PDB file of all heavy atoms in Angstrom:
ATOM      1  N   ASP A   1       8.972  -4.481   6.591  1.00  0.00           N
ATOM      2  CA  ASP A   1       7.737  -3.978   7.182  1.00  0.00           C
ATOM      3  C   ASP A   1       7.345  -2.750   6.372  1.00  0.00           C
ATOM      4  O   ASP A   1       8.205  -1.923   6.045  1.00  0.00           O
ATOM      5  CB  ASP A   1       7.931  -3.552   8.635  1.00  0.00           C
ATOM      6  CG  ASP A   1       8.366  -4.692   9.534  1.00  0.00           C
ATOM      7  OD1 ASP A   1       7.987  -5.840   9.274  1.00  0.00           O
ATOM      8  OD2 ASP A   1       9.106  -4.417  10.498  1.00  0.00           O
ATOM      9  N   ILE A   2       6.064  -2.631   6.050  1.00  0.00           N
ATOM     10  CA  ILE A   2       5.540  -1.461   5.358  1.00  0.00           C
ATOM     11  C   ILE A   2       4.459  -0.875   6.241  1.00  0.00           C
ATOM     12  O   ILE A   2       3.546  -1.585   6.660  1.00  0.00           O
ATOM     13  CB  ILE A   2       4.977  -1.834   3.972  1.00  0.00           C
ATOM     14  CG1 ILE A   2       6.049  -2.557   3.142  1.00  0.00           C
ATOM     15  CG2 ILE A   2       4.473  -0.591   3.247  1.00  0.00           C
ATOM     16  CD1 ILE A   2       5.539  -3.127   1.830  1.00  0.00           C
ATOM     17  N   LEU A   3       4.592   0.429   6.565  1.00  0.00           N
ATOM     18  CA  LEU A   3       3.671   1.073   7.491  1.00  0.00           C
ATOM     19  C   LEU A   3       3.053   2.320   6.888  1.00  0.00           C
ATOM     20  O   LEU A   3       3.684   3.022   6.114  1.00  0.00           O
ATOM     21  CB  LEU A   3       4.412   1.465   8.767  1.00  0.00           C
ATOM     22  CG  LEU A   3       5.114   0.332   9.494  1.00  0.00           C
ATOM     23  CD1 LEU A   3       6.604   0.445   9.294  1.00  0.00           C
ATOM     24  CD2 LEU A   3       4.776   0.365  10.940  1.00  0.00           C
ATOM     25  N   ASP A   4       1.826   2.585   7.282  1.00  0.00           N
ATOM     26  CA  ASP A   4       1.130   3.834   6.973  1.00  0.00           C
ATOM     27  C   ASP A   4       1.090   4.594   8.293  1.00  0.00           C
ATOM     28  O   ASP A   4       0.284   4.272   9.169  1.00  0.00           O
ATOM     29  CB  ASP A   4      -0.271   3.553   6.440  1.00  0.00           C
ATOM     30  CG  ASP A   4      -1.045   4.821   6.100  1.00  0.00           C
ATOM     31  OD1 ASP A   4      -0.529   5.929   6.336  1.00  0.00           O
ATOM     32  OD2 ASP A   4      -2.174   4.704   5.609  1.00  0.00           O
ATOM     33  N   GLY A   5       1.994   5.561   8.461  1.00  0.00           N
ATOM     34  CA  GLY A   5       2.155   6.196   9.776  1.00  0.00           C
ATOM     35  C   GLY A   5       2.729   5.156  10.712  1.00  0.00           C
ATOM     36  O   GLY A   5       3.754   4.557  10.436  1.00  0.00           O
ATOM     37  N   SER A   6       2.034   4.873  11.803  1.00  0.00           N
ATOM     38  CA  SER A   6       2.476   3.815  12.714  1.00  0.00           C
ATOM     39  C   SER A   6       1.661   2.539  12.528  1.00  0.00           C
ATOM     40  O   SER A   6       1.902   1.539  13.199  1.00  0.00           O
ATOM     41  CB  SER A   6       2.375   4.291  14.160  1.00  0.00           C
ATOM     42  OG  SER A   6       1.028   4.600  14.469  1.00  0.00           O
ATOM     43  N   ALA A   7       0.688   2.577  11.597  1.00  0.00           N
ATOM     44  CA  ALA A   7      -0.161   1.407  11.352  1.00  0.00           C
ATOM     45  C   ALA A   7       0.489   0.475  10.332  1.00  0.00           C
ATOM     46  O   ALA A   7       0.813   0.893   9.218  1.00  0.00           O
ATOM     47  CB  ALA A   7      -1.525   1.846  10.843  1.00  0.00           C
ATOM     48  N   PRO A   8       0.696  -0.795  10.696  1.00  0.00           N
ATOM     49  CA  PRO A   8       1.314  -1.720   9.753  1.00  0.00           C
ATOM     50  C   PRO A   8       0.388  -2.057   8.577  1.00  0.00           C
ATOM     51  O   PRO A   8      -0.796  -2.276   8.753  1.00  0.00           O
ATOM     52  CB  PRO A   8       1.590  -2.965  10.585  1.00  0.00           C
ATOM     53  CG  PRO A   8       0.807  -2.830  11.827  1.00  0.00           C
ATOM     54  CD  PRO A   8       0.424  -1.397  11.986  1.00  0.00           C
ATOM     55  N   ILE A   9       0.967  -2.039   7.389  1.00  0.00           N
ATOM     56  CA  ILE A   9       0.267  -2.499   6.188  1.00  0.00           C
ATOM     57  C   ILE A   9       0.665  -3.947   5.938  1.00  0.00           C
ATOM     58  O   ILE A   9      -0.169  -4.800   5.651  1.00  0.00           O
ATOM     59  CB  ILE A   9       0.633  -1.623   4.972  1.00  0.00           C
ATOM     60  CG1 ILE A   9       0.169  -0.184   5.195  1.00  0.00           C
ATOM     61  CG2 ILE A   9       0.038  -2.196   3.690  1.00  0.00           C
ATOM     62  CD1 ILE A   9       0.671   0.799   4.157  1.00  0.00           C
ATOM     63  N   ALA A  10       1.960  -4.224   6.036  1.00  0.00           N
ATOM     64  CA  ALA A  10       2.503  -5.580   5.898  1.00  0.00           C
ATOM     65  C   ALA A  10       3.720  -5.669   6.807  1.00  0.00           C
ATOM     66  O   ALA A  10       4.531  -4.738   6.857  1.00  0.00           O
ATOM     67  CB  ALA A  10       2.889  -5.862   4.456  1.00  0.00           C
ATOM     68  N   SER A  11       3.870  -6.768   7.525  1.00  0.00           N
ATOM     69  CA  SER A  11       4.979  -6.910   8.474  1.00  0.00           C
ATOM     70  C   SER A  11       5.687  -8.247   8.284  1.00  0.00           C
ATOM     71  O   SER A  11       5.042  -9.274   8.059  1.00  0.00           O
ATOM     72  CB  SER A  11       4.465  -6.849   9.914  1.00  0.00           C
ATOM     73  OG  SER A  11       3.902  -5.595  10.183  1.00  0.00           O
ATOM     74  N   GLY A  12       7.008  -8.204   8.379  1.00  0.00           N
ATOM     75  CA  GLY A  12       7.798  -9.427   8.361  1.00  0.00           C
ATOM     76  C   GLY A  12       7.780 -10.172   7.044  1.00  0.00           C
ATOM     77  O   GLY A  12       7.994 -11.377   7.021  1.00  0.00           O
ATOM     78  N   ARG A  13       7.571  -9.456   5.946  1.00  0.00           N
ATOM     79  CA  ARG A  13       7.544 -10.103   4.629  1.00  0.00           C
ATOM     80  C   ARG A  13       8.971 -10.332   4.143  1.00  0.00           C
ATOM     81  O   ARG A  13       9.802  -9.438   4.198  1.00  0.00           O
ATOM     82  CB  ARG A  13       6.801  -9.239   3.606  1.00  0.00           C
ATOM     83  CG  ARG A  13       5.349  -8.962   3.950  1.00  0.00           C
ATOM     84  CD  ARG A  13       4.497 -10.135   3.487  1.00  0.00           C
ATOM     85  NE  ARG A  13       3.122 -10.005   3.891  1.00  0.00           N
ATOM     86  CZ  ARG A  13       2.093  -9.997   3.060  1.00  0.00           C
ATOM     87  NH1 ARG A  13       2.281 -10.067   1.761  1.00  0.00           N
ATOM     88  NH2 ARG A  13       0.873  -9.926   3.517  1.00  0.00           N
ATOM     89  N   GLY A  14       9.241 -11.532   3.661  1.00  0.00           N
ATOM     90  CA  GLY A  14      10.548 -11.835   3.087  1.00  0.00           C
ATOM     91  C   GLY A  14      10.724 -11.118   1.758  1.00  0.00           C
ATOM     92  O   GLY A  14       9.797 -11.092   0.941  1.00  0.00           O
ATOM     93  N   LEU A  15      11.899 -10.539   1.549  1.00  0.00           N
ATOM     94  CA  LEU A  15      12.193  -9.823   0.315  1.00  0.00           C
ATOM     95  C   LEU A  15      12.831 -10.802  -0.673  1.00  0.00           C
ATOM     96  O   LEU A  15      14.015 -11.115  -0.587  1.00  0.00           O
ATOM     97  CB  LEU A  15      13.131  -8.644   0.591  1.00  0.00           C
ATOM     98  CG  LEU A  15      13.447  -7.719  -0.581  1.00  0.00           C
ATOM     99  CD1 LEU A  15      12.169  -7.088  -1.136  1.00  0.00           C
ATOM    100  CD2 LEU A  15      14.420  -6.632  -0.154  1.00  0.00           C
ATOM    101  N   HIS A  16      12.014 -11.309  -1.593  1.00  0.00           N
ATOM    102  CA  HIS A  16      12.443 -12.288  -2.585  1.00  0.00           C
ATOM    103  C   HIS A  16      12.076 -11.782  -3.976  1.00  0.00           C
ATOM    104  O   HIS A  16      11.033 -11.141  -4.141  1.00  0.00           O
ATOM    105  CB  HIS A  16      11.755 -13.637  -2.356  1.00  0.00           C
ATOM    106  CG  HIS A  16      11.970 -14.201  -1.000  1.00  0.00           C
ATOM    107  ND1 HIS A  16      13.175 -14.728  -0.599  1.00  0.00           N
ATOM    108  CD2 HIS A  16      11.133 -14.312   0.074  1.00  0.00           C
ATOM    109  CE1 HIS A  16      13.068 -15.154   0.654  1.00  0.00           C
ATOM    110  NE2 HIS A  16      11.851 -14.904   1.086  1.00  0.00           N
ATOM    111  N   PRO A  17      12.899 -12.062  -4.984  1.00  0.00           N
ATOM    112  CA  PRO A  17      12.585 -11.614  -6.342  1.00  0.00           C
ATOM    113  C   PRO A  17      11.224 -12.122  -6.823  1.00  0.00           C
ATOM    114  O   PRO A  17      10.866 -13.286  -6.613  1.00  0.00           O
ATOM    115  CB  PRO A  17      13.709 -12.213  -7.190  1.00  0.00           C
ATOM    116  CG  PRO A  17      14.833 -12.434  -6.239  1.00  0.00           C
ATOM    117  CD  PRO A  17      14.183 -12.768  -4.926  1.00  0.00           C
ATOM    118  N   GLY A  18      10.468 -11.212  -7.440  1.00  0.00           N
ATOM    119  CA  GLY A  18       9.200 -11.572  -8.064  1.00  0.00           C
ATOM    120  C   GLY A  18       8.013 -11.724  -7.135  1.00  0.00           C
ATOM    121  O   GLY A  18       6.911 -12.009  -7.587  1.00  0.00           O
ATOM    122  N   ILE A  19       8.196 -11.526  -5.845  1.00  0.00           N
ATOM    123  CA  ILE A  19       7.106 -11.695  -4.878  1.00  0.00           C
ATOM    124  C   ILE A  19       6.556 -10.323  -4.495  1.00  0.00           C
ATOM    125  O   ILE A  19       7.295  -9.458  -4.032  1.00  0.00           O
ATOM    126  CB  ILE A  19       7.583 -12.440  -3.607  1.00  0.00           C
ATOM    127  CG1 ILE A  19       8.187 -13.793  -3.958  1.00  0.00           C
ATOM    128  CG2 ILE A  19       6.450 -12.569  -2.593  1.00  0.00           C
ATOM    129  CD1 ILE A  19       7.217 -14.769  -4.597  1.00  0.00           C
ATOM    130  N   ASN A  20       5.244 -10.135  -4.672  1.00  0.00           N
ATOM    131  CA  ASN A  20       4.592  -8.881  -4.310  1.00  0.00           C
ATOM    132  C   ASN A  20       4.495  -8.791  -2.788  1.00  0.00           C
ATOM    133  O   ASN A  20       3.824  -9.600  -2.152  1.00  0.00           O
ATOM    134  CB  ASN A  20       3.199  -8.809  -4.951  1.00  0.00           C
ATOM    135  CG  ASN A  20       2.444  -7.547  -4.599  1.00  0.00           C
ATOM    136  OD1 ASN A  20       2.968  -6.636  -3.970  1.00  0.00           O
ATOM    137  ND2 ASN A  20       1.194  -7.491  -5.010  1.00  0.00           N
ATOM    138  N   LEU A  21       5.158  -7.796  -2.205  1.00  0.00           N
ATOM    139  CA  LEU A  21       5.127  -7.621  -0.752  1.00  0.00           C
ATOM    140  C   LEU A  21       3.740  -7.263  -0.238  1.00  0.00           C
ATOM    141  O   LEU A  21       3.469  -7.394   0.954  1.00  0.00           O
ATOM    142  CB  LEU A  21       6.125  -6.545  -0.336  1.00  0.00           C
ATOM    143  CG  LEU A  21       7.600  -6.887  -0.563  1.00  0.00           C
ATOM    144  CD1 LEU A  21       8.474  -5.664  -0.297  1.00  0.00           C
ATOM    145  CD2 LEU A  21       8.021  -8.047   0.324  1.00  0.00           C
ATOM    146  N   LEU A  22       2.864  -6.800  -1.127  1.00  0.00           N
ATOM    147  CA  LEU A  22       1.507  -6.419  -0.723  1.00  0.00           C
ATOM    148  C   LEU A  22       0.467  -7.471  -1.110  1.00  0.00           C
ATOM    149  O   LEU A  22      -0.733  -7.235  -0.973  1.00  0.00           O
ATOM    150  CB  LEU A  22       1.145  -5.063  -1.330  1.00  0.00           C
ATOM    151  CG  LEU A  22       2.024  -3.901  -0.877  1.00  0.00           C
ATOM    152  CD1 LEU A  22       1.652  -2.627  -1.631  1.00  0.00           C
ATOM    153  CD2 LEU A  22       1.919  -3.687   0.617  1.00  0.00           C
ATOM    154  N   ASP A  23       0.920  -8.630  -1.575  1.00  0.00           N
ATOM    155  CA  ASP A  23      -0.006  -9.682  -1.967  1.00  0.00           C
ATOM    156  C   ASP A  23      -0.830 -10.133  -0.760  1.00  0.00           C
ATOM    157  O   ASP A  23      -0.293 -10.392   0.310  1.00  0.00           O
ATOM    158  CB  ASP A  23       0.770 -10.868  -2.542  1.00  0.00           C
ATOM    159  CG  ASP A  23      -0.128 -11.864  -3.238  1.00  0.00           C
ATOM    160  OD1 ASP A  23      -1.162 -11.456  -3.798  1.00  0.00           O
ATOM    161  OD2 ASP A  23       0.209 -13.068  -3.239  1.00  0.00           O
ATOM    162  N   GLY A  24      -2.129 -10.195  -0.942  1.00  0.00           N
ATOM    163  CA  GLY A  24      -3.026 -10.622   0.123  1.00  0.00           C
ATOM    164  C   GLY A  24      -3.386  -9.547   1.121  1.00  0.00           C
ATOM    165  O   GLY A  24      -4.105  -9.803   2.080  1.00  0.00           O
ATOM    166  N   VAL A  25      -2.893  -8.330   0.923  1.00  0.00           N
ATOM    167  CA  VAL A  25      -3.173  -7.217   1.829  1.00  0.00           C
ATOM    168  C   VAL A  25      -4.281  -6.368   1.218  1.00  0.00           C
ATOM    169  O   VAL A  25      -4.228  -6.024   0.036  1.00  0.00           O
ATOM    170  CB  VAL A  25      -1.907  -6.350   2.053  1.00  0.00           C
ATOM    171  CG1 VAL A  25      -2.219  -5.161   2.927  1.00  0.00           C
ATOM    172  CG2 VAL A  25      -0.794  -7.188   2.648  1.00  0.00           C
ATOM    173  N   LEU A  26      -5.275  -6.038   2.012  1.00  0.00           N
ATOM    174  CA  LEU A  26      -6.374  -5.216   1.515  1.00  0.00           C
ATOM    175  C   LEU A  26      -5.949  -3.754   1.498  1.00  0.00           C
ATOM    176  O   LEU A  26      -6.019  -3.061   2.506  1.00  0.00           O
ATOM    177  CB  LEU A  26      -7.621  -5.393   2.392  1.00  0.00           C
ATOM    178  CG  LEU A  26      -8.217  -6.793   2.402  1.00  0.00           C
ATOM    179  CD1 LEU A  26      -9.373  -6.871   3.388  1.00  0.00           C
ATOM    180  CD2 LEU A  26      -8.672  -7.193   1.011  1.00  0.00           C
ATOM    181  N   THR A  27      -5.452  -3.320   0.361  1.00  0.00           N
ATOM    182  CA  THR A  27      -4.991  -1.949   0.190  1.00  0.00           C
ATOM    183  C   THR A  27      -5.113  -1.572  -1.276  1.00  0.00           C
ATOM    184  O   THR A  27      -5.125  -2.434  -2.139  1.00  0.00           O
ATOM    185  CB  THR A  27      -3.529  -1.782   0.670  1.00  0.00           C
ATOM    186  OG1 THR A  27      -3.136  -0.437   0.492  1.00  0.00           O
ATOM    187  CG2 THR A  27      -2.584  -2.677  -0.086  1.00  0.00           C
ATOM    188  N   ASP A  28      -5.189  -0.291  -1.540  1.00  0.00           N
ATOM    189  CA  ASP A  28      -5.260   0.176  -2.924  1.00  0.00           C
ATOM    190  C   ASP A  28      -3.911   0.739  -3.380  1.00  0.00           C
ATOM    191  O   ASP A  28      -3.842   1.509  -4.320  1.00  0.00           O
ATOM    192  CB  ASP A  28      -6.356   1.224  -3.089  1.00  0.00           C
ATOM    193  CG  ASP A  28      -6.127   2.467  -2.243  1.00  0.00           C
ATOM    194  OD1 ASP A  28      -5.184   2.470  -1.432  1.00  0.00           O
ATOM    195  OD2 ASP A  28      -6.892   3.431  -2.388  1.00  0.00           O
ATOM    196  N   LEU A  29      -2.830   0.306  -2.726  1.00  0.00           N
ATOM    197  CA  LEU A  29      -1.507   0.831  -3.061  1.00  0.00           C
ATOM    198  C   LEU A  29      -0.952   0.270  -4.364  1.00  0.00           C
ATOM    199  O   LEU A  29      -0.170   0.919  -5.024  1.00  0.00           O
ATOM    200  CB  LEU A  29      -0.517   0.545  -1.934  1.00  0.00           C
ATOM    201  CG  LEU A  29      -0.705   1.359  -0.665  1.00  0.00           C
ATOM    202  CD1 LEU A  29       0.301   0.930   0.387  1.00  0.00           C
ATOM    203  CD2 LEU A  29      -0.559   2.840  -0.962  1.00  0.00           C
ATOM    204  N   GLY A  30      -1.287  -0.948  -4.733  1.00  0.00           N
ATOM    205  CA  GLY A  30      -0.727  -1.560  -5.932  1.00  0.00           C
ATOM    206  C   GLY A  30       0.184  -2.708  -5.555  1.00  0.00           C
ATOM    207  O   GLY A  30      -0.111  -3.471  -4.645  1.00  0.00           O
ATOM    208  N   ALA A  31       1.329  -2.818  -6.249  1.00  0.00           N
ATOM    209  CA  ALA A  31       2.258  -3.927  -6.019  1.00  0.00           C
ATOM    210  C   ALA A  31       3.659  -3.389  -5.750  1.00  0.00           C
ATOM    211  O   ALA A  31       4.095  -2.427  -6.369  1.00  0.00           O
ATOM    212  CB  ALA A  31       2.285  -4.850  -7.231  1.00  0.00           C
ATOM    213  N   VAL A  32       4.363  -4.041  -4.823  1.00  0.00           N
ATOM    214  CA  VAL A  32       5.761  -3.735  -4.524  1.00  0.00           C
ATOM    215  C   VAL A  32       6.511  -5.055  -4.590  1.00  0.00           C
ATOM    216  O   VAL A  32       6.177  -5.999  -3.875  1.00  0.00           O
ATOM    217  CB  VAL A  32       5.923  -3.099  -3.126  1.00  0.00           C
ATOM    218  CG1 VAL A  32       7.392  -2.887  -2.801  1.00  0.00           C
ATOM    219  CG2 VAL A  32       5.163  -1.787  -3.027  1.00  0.00           C
ATOM    220  N   TYR A  33       7.504  -5.122  -5.477  1.00  0.00           N
ATOM    221  CA  TYR A  33       8.226  -6.381  -5.661  1.00  0.00           C
ATOM    222  C   TYR A  33       9.686  -6.120  -6.016  1.00  0.00           C
ATOM    223  O   TYR A  33      10.049  -5.060  -6.513  1.00  0.00           O
ATOM    224  CB  TYR A  33       7.565  -7.227  -6.744  1.00  0.00           C
ATOM    225  CG  TYR A  33       7.451  -6.520  -8.078  1.00  0.00           C
ATOM    226  CD1 TYR A  33       8.449  -6.626  -9.036  1.00  0.00           C
ATOM    227  CD2 TYR A  33       6.344  -5.715  -8.364  1.00  0.00           C
ATOM    228  CE1 TYR A  33       8.348  -5.956 -10.235  1.00  0.00           C
ATOM    229  CE2 TYR A  33       6.238  -5.046  -9.567  1.00  0.00           C
ATOM    230  CZ  TYR A  33       7.248  -5.176 -10.497  1.00  0.00           C
ATOM    231  OH  TYR A  33       7.157  -4.494 -11.692  1.00  0.00           O
ATOM    232  N   LEU A  34      10.522  -7.115  -5.735  1.00  0.00           N
ATOM    233  CA  LEU A  34      11.940  -7.036  -6.058  1.00  0.00           C
ATOM    234  C   LEU A  34      12.165  -7.650  -7.429  1.00  0.00           C
ATOM    235  O   LEU A  34      11.643  -8.718  -7.735  1.00  0.00           O
ATOM    236  CB  LEU A  34      12.760  -7.789  -5.011  1.00  0.00           C
ATOM    237  CG  LEU A  34      14.263  -7.596  -5.090  1.00  0.00           C
ATOM    238  CD1 LEU A  34      14.640  -6.190  -4.634  1.00  0.00           C
ATOM    239  CD2 LEU A  34      14.978  -8.624  -4.233  1.00  0.00           C
ATOM    240  N   GLU A  35      12.957  -6.968  -8.228  1.00  0.00           N
ATOM    241  CA  GLU A  35      13.288  -7.436  -9.574  1.00  0.00           C
ATOM    242  C   GLU A  35      14.797  -7.640  -9.630  1.00  0.00           C
ATOM    243  O   GLU A  35      15.556  -6.767  -9.208  1.00  0.00           O
ATOM    244  CB  GLU A  35      12.862  -6.350 -10.566  1.00  0.00           C
ATOM    245  CG  GLU A  35      12.945  -6.700 -12.009  1.00  0.00           C
ATOM    246  CD  GLU A  35      12.398  -5.548 -12.837  1.00  0.00           C
ATOM    247  OE1 GLU A  35      13.175  -4.604 -13.116  1.00  0.00           O
ATOM    248  OE2 GLU A  35      11.208  -5.588 -13.178  1.00  0.00           O
ATOM    249  N   GLY A  36      15.244  -8.789 -10.117  1.00  0.00           N
ATOM    250  CA  GLY A  36      16.682  -9.050 -10.228  1.00  0.00           C
ATOM    251  C   GLY A  36      17.113 -10.201  -9.346  1.00  0.00           C
ATOM    252  O   GLY A  36      16.335 -11.112  -9.062  1.00  0.00           O
ATOM    253  N   GLU A  37      18.360 -10.146  -8.876  1.00  0.00           N
ATOM    254  CA  GLU A  37      18.935 -11.219  -8.070  1.00  0.00           C
ATOM    255  C   GLU A  37      18.407 -11.218  -6.639  1.00  0.00           C
ATOM    256  O   GLU A  37      17.940 -10.191  -6.144  1.00  0.00           O
ATOM    257  CB  GLU A  37      20.461 -11.077  -8.019  1.00  0.00           C
ATOM    258  CG  GLU A  37      21.145 -11.261  -9.348  1.00  0.00           C
ATOM    259  CD  GLU A  37      22.657 -11.146  -9.241  1.00  0.00           C
ATOM    260  OE1 GLU A  37      23.203 -11.118  -8.109  1.00  0.00           O
ATOM    261  OE2 GLU A  37      23.289 -11.065 -10.303  1.00  0.00           O
TER     262      GLU A  37
END
């Protein structure tokens, strides 16, 4: 879960390599992704 204060930005996203956790979210934060195994 990624929150701005108590407001959710993204919730319940699976943490998988190469997947942007912010994909499809209307935000100007950029990209957050797991690299590696």
